[in-house]
């Protein structure tokens, strides 16, 4: 699978939320964002 780099801007406060959650769960920020993106597939958006 070809990987594509995603770059986003987030407010400092939101980045701190992500970093604290990543540290607490011992997961990378990338892993958390990928999981969230995959969870969107489960939503019925049609």
PDB file of N, CA and C in Angstrom:
ATOM      1  N   UNK A   1       0.846  -1.180   0.000  1.00  0.00           N
ATOM      2  CA  UNK A   1       0.000   0.000   0.000  1.00  0.00           C
ATOM      3  C   UNK A   1       0.894   1.247   0.000  1.00  0.00           C
ATOM      4  N   UNK A   2       0.597   2.159  -0.887  1.00  0.00           N
ATOM      5  CA  UNK A   2       1.351   3.402  -0.966  1.00  0.00           C
ATOM      6  C   UNK A   2       0.941   4.322   0.181  1.00  0.00           C
ATOM      7  N   UNK A   3       1.918   4.869   0.863  1.00  0.00           N
ATOM      8  CA  UNK A   3       1.634   5.793   1.960  1.00  0.00           C
ATOM      9  C   UNK A   3       1.720   7.224   1.456  1.00  0.00           C
ATOM     10  N   UNK A   4       0.847   8.053   1.990  1.00  0.00           N
ATOM     11  CA  UNK A   4       0.793   9.465   1.640  1.00  0.00           C
ATOM     12  C   UNK A   4       0.988  10.264   2.921  1.00  0.00           C
ATOM     13  N   UNK A   5       1.828  11.258   2.863  1.00  0.00           N
ATOM     14  CA  UNK A   5       2.080  12.097   4.037  1.00  0.00           C
ATOM     15  C   UNK A   5       0.939  13.097   4.192  1.00  0.00           C
ATOM     16  N   UNK A   6       0.457  13.233   5.415  1.00  0.00           N
ATOM     17  CA  UNK A   6      -0.601  14.188   5.745  1.00  0.00           C
ATOM     18  C   UNK A   6      -0.037  15.189   6.734  1.00  0.00           C
ATOM     19  N   UNK A   7      -0.199  16.438   6.429  1.00  0.00           N
ATOM     20  CA  UNK A   7       0.286  17.490   7.309  1.00  0.00           C
ATOM     21  C   UNK A   7      -0.900  18.381   7.663  1.00  0.00           C
ATOM     22  N   UNK A   8      -1.127  18.578   8.956  1.00  0.00           N
ATOM     23  CA  UNK A   8      -2.246  19.429   9.383  1.00  0.00           C
ATOM     24  C   UNK A   8      -1.768  20.440  10.419  1.00  0.00           C
ATOM     25  N   UNK A   9      -2.519  21.480  10.555  1.00  0.00           N
ATOM     26  CA  UNK A   9      -2.254  22.482  11.598  1.00  0.00           C
ATOM     27  C   UNK A   9      -3.329  22.327  12.666  1.00  0.00           C
ATOM     28  N   UNK A  10      -2.894  22.295  13.888  1.00  0.00           N
ATOM     29  CA  UNK A  10      -3.836  22.220  15.001  1.00  0.00           C
ATOM     30  C   UNK A  10      -3.415  23.242  16.054  1.00  0.00           C
ATOM     31  N   UNK A  11      -4.383  23.741  16.789  1.00  0.00           N
ATOM     32  CA  UNK A  11      -4.035  24.660  17.883  1.00  0.00           C
ATOM     33  C   UNK A  11      -3.168  23.934  18.922  1.00  0.00           C
ATOM     34  N   UNK A  12      -2.340  24.689  19.589  1.00  0.00           N
ATOM     35  CA  UNK A  12      -1.442  24.146  20.605  1.00  0.00           C
ATOM     36  C   UNK A  12      -2.199  23.277  21.604  1.00  0.00           C
ATOM     37  N   UNK A  13      -3.332  23.745  22.077  1.00  0.00           N
ATOM     38  CA  UNK A  13      -4.110  23.006  23.070  1.00  0.00           C
ATOM     39  C   UNK A  13      -4.522  21.623  22.557  1.00  0.00           C
ATOM     40  N   UNK A  14      -4.943  21.541  21.306  1.00  0.00           N
ATOM     41  CA  UNK A  14      -5.345  20.252  20.748  1.00  0.00           C
ATOM     42  C   UNK A  14      -4.152  19.312  20.602  1.00  0.00           C
ATOM     43  N   UNK A  15      -2.997  19.862  20.255  1.00  0.00           N
ATOM     44  CA  UNK A  15      -1.797  19.040  20.152  1.00  0.00           C
ATOM     45  C   UNK A  15      -1.419  18.484  21.520  1.00  0.00           C
ATOM     46  N   UNK A  16      -1.585  19.279  22.555  1.00  0.00           N
ATOM     47  CA  UNK A  16      -1.285  18.814  23.902  1.00  0.00           C
ATOM     48  C   UNK A  16      -2.239  17.686  24.315  1.00  0.00           C
ATOM     49  N   UNK A  17      -3.492  17.794  23.914  1.00  0.00           N
ATOM     50  CA  UNK A  17      -4.456  16.728  24.191  1.00  0.00           C
ATOM     51  C   UNK A  17      -3.998  15.438  23.528  1.00  0.00           C
ATOM     52  N   UNK A  18      -3.624  15.528  22.254  1.00  0.00           N
ATOM     53  CA  UNK A  18      -3.166  14.359  21.507  1.00  0.00           C
ATOM     54  C   UNK A  18      -1.899  13.771  22.123  1.00  0.00           C
ATOM     55  N   UNK A  19      -0.954  14.618  22.468  1.00  0.00           N
ATOM     56  CA  UNK A  19       0.304  14.140  23.048  1.00  0.00           C
ATOM     57  C   UNK A  19       0.083  13.472  24.404  1.00  0.00           C
ATOM     58  N   UNK A  20      -0.764  14.046  25.240  1.00  0.00           N
ATOM     59  CA  UNK A  20      -1.045  13.446  26.551  1.00  0.00           C
ATOM     60  C   UNK A  20      -1.742  12.099  26.389  1.00  0.00           C
ATOM     61  N   UNK A  21      -2.674  12.028  25.457  1.00  0.00           N
ATOM     62  CA  UNK A  21      -3.386  10.767  25.234  1.00  0.00           C
ATOM     63  C   UNK A  21      -2.436   9.703  24.682  1.00  0.00           C
ATOM     64  N   UNK A  22      -1.556  10.099  23.778  1.00  0.00           N
ATOM     65  CA  UNK A  22      -0.584   9.164  23.212  1.00  0.00           C
ATOM     66  C   UNK A  22       0.342   8.632  24.305  1.00  0.00           C
ATOM     67  N   UNK A  23       0.778   9.515  25.167  1.00  0.00           N
ATOM     68  CA  UNK A  23       1.653   9.106  26.266  1.00  0.00           C
ATOM     69  C   UNK A  23       0.913   8.170  27.232  1.00  0.00           C
ATOM     70  N   UNK A  24      -0.306   8.530  27.558  1.00  0.00           N
ATOM     71  CA  UNK A  24      -1.105   7.731  28.498  1.00  0.00           C
ATOM     72  C   UNK A  24      -1.367   6.322  27.964  1.00  0.00           C
ATOM     73  N   UNK A  25      -1.621   6.222  26.656  1.00  0.00           N
ATOM     74  CA  UNK A  25      -1.951   4.925  26.056  1.00  0.00           C
ATOM     75  C   UNK A  25      -0.724   4.222  25.471  1.00  0.00           C
ATOM     76  N   UNK A  26       0.436   4.887  25.556  1.00  0.00           N
ATOM     77  CA  UNK A  26       1.697   4.336  25.030  1.00  0.00           C
ATOM     78  C   UNK A  26       1.590   3.997  23.538  1.00  0.00           C
ATOM     79  N   UNK A  27       0.958   4.899  22.806  1.00  0.00           N
ATOM     80  CA  UNK A  27       0.809   4.750  21.356  1.00  0.00           C
ATOM     81  C   UNK A  27       1.327   6.013  20.699  1.00  0.00           C
ATOM     82  N   UNK A  28       1.648   5.898  19.415  1.00  0.00           N
ATOM     83  CA  UNK A  28       2.133   7.078  18.704  1.00  0.00           C
ATOM     84  C   UNK A  28       0.954   7.949  18.274  1.00  0.00           C
ATOM     85  N   UNK A  29       1.247   9.208  18.055  1.00  0.00           N
ATOM     86  CA  UNK A  29       0.214  10.116  17.554  1.00  0.00           C
ATOM     87  C   UNK A  29      -0.270   9.653  16.187  1.00  0.00           C
ATOM     88  N   UNK A  30       0.650   9.165  15.365  1.00  0.00           N
ATOM     89  CA  UNK A  30       0.285   8.645  14.047  1.00  0.00           C
ATOM     90  C   UNK A  30      -0.702   7.497  14.178  1.00  0.00           C
ATOM     91  N   UNK A  31      -0.427   6.579  15.075  1.00  0.00           N
ATOM     92  CA  UNK A  31      -1.313   5.433  15.288  1.00  0.00           C
ATOM     93  C   UNK A  31      -2.708   5.888  15.714  1.00  0.00           C
ATOM     94  N   UNK A  32      -2.771   6.864  16.588  1.00  0.00           N
ATOM     95  CA  UNK A  32      -4.069   7.359  17.051  1.00  0.00           C
ATOM     96  C   UNK A  32      -4.857   8.025  15.928  1.00  0.00           C
ATOM     97  N   UNK A  33      -4.178   8.807  15.107  1.00  0.00           N
ATOM     98  CA  UNK A  33      -4.862   9.474  13.996  1.00  0.00           C
ATOM     99  C   UNK A  33      -5.325   8.450  12.968  1.00  0.00           C
ATOM    100  N   UNK A  34      -4.479   7.461  12.678  1.00  0.00           N
ATOM    101  CA  UNK A  34      -4.878   6.413  11.729  1.00  0.00           C
ATOM    102  C   UNK A  34      -6.101   5.664  12.240  1.00  0.00           C
ATOM    103  N   UNK A  35      -6.121   5.340  13.531  1.00  0.00           N
ATOM    104  CA  UNK A  35      -7.276   4.638  14.097  1.00  0.00           C
ATOM    105  C   UNK A  35      -8.541   5.482  13.966  1.00  0.00           C
ATOM    106  N   UNK A  36      -8.415   6.777  14.226  1.00  0.00           N
ATOM    107  CA  UNK A  36      -9.579   7.662  14.109  1.00  0.00           C
ATOM    108  C   UNK A  36     -10.082   7.697  12.665  1.00  0.00           C
ATOM    109  N   UNK A  37      -9.161   7.790  11.709  1.00  0.00           N
ATOM    110  CA  UNK A  37      -9.562   7.812  10.301  1.00  0.00           C
ATOM    111  C   UNK A  37     -10.293   6.519   9.933  1.00  0.00           C
ATOM    112  N   UNK A  38      -9.750   5.371  10.366  1.00  0.00           N
ATOM    113  CA  UNK A  38     -10.408   4.090  10.081  1.00  0.00           C
ATOM    114  C   UNK A  38     -11.790   4.021  10.718  1.00  0.00           C
ATOM    115  N   UNK A  39     -11.964   4.663  11.862  1.00  0.00           N
ATOM    116  CA  UNK A  39     -13.267   4.632  12.535  1.00  0.00           C
ATOM    117  C   UNK A  39     -14.326   5.380  11.713  1.00  0.00           C
ATOM    118  N   UNK A  40     -13.902   6.294  10.864  1.00  0.00           N
ATOM    119  CA  UNK A  40     -14.849   7.043  10.036  1.00  0.00           C
ATOM    120  C   UNK A  40     -15.559   6.133   9.035  1.00  0.00           C
ATOM    121  N   UNK A  41     -14.872   5.053   8.628  1.00  0.00           N
ATOM    122  CA  UNK A  41     -15.471   4.096   7.697  1.00  0.00           C
ATOM    123  C   UNK A  41     -16.723   3.453   8.287  1.00  0.00           C
ATOM    124  N   UNK A  42     -16.731   3.317   9.593  1.00  0.00           N
ATOM    125  CA  UNK A  42     -17.842   2.636  10.269  1.00  0.00           C
ATOM    126  C   UNK A  42     -19.090   3.507  10.373  1.00  0.00           C
ATOM    127  N   UNK A  43     -18.912   4.810  10.178  1.00  0.00           N
ATOM    128  CA  UNK A  43     -20.053   5.733  10.247  1.00  0.00           C
ATOM    129  C   UNK A  43     -20.890   5.619   8.979  1.00  0.00           C
ATOM    130  N   UNK A  44     -22.164   5.708   9.132  1.00  0.00           N
ATOM    131  CA  UNK A  44     -23.046   5.666   7.971  1.00  0.00           C
ATOM    132  C   UNK A  44     -23.209   7.093   7.450  1.00  0.00           C
ATOM    133  N   UNK A  45     -22.416   7.443   6.473  1.00  0.00           N
ATOM    134  CA  UNK A  45     -22.416   8.812   5.944  1.00  0.00           C
ATOM    135  C   UNK A  45     -23.203   8.945   4.647  1.00  0.00           C
ATOM    136  N   UNK A  46     -24.009   7.937   4.325  1.00  0.00           N
ATOM    137  CA  UNK A  46     -24.755   8.012   3.073  1.00  0.00           C
ATOM    138  C   UNK A  46     -26.186   8.424   3.302  1.00  0.00           C
TER     139      UNK A  46
END
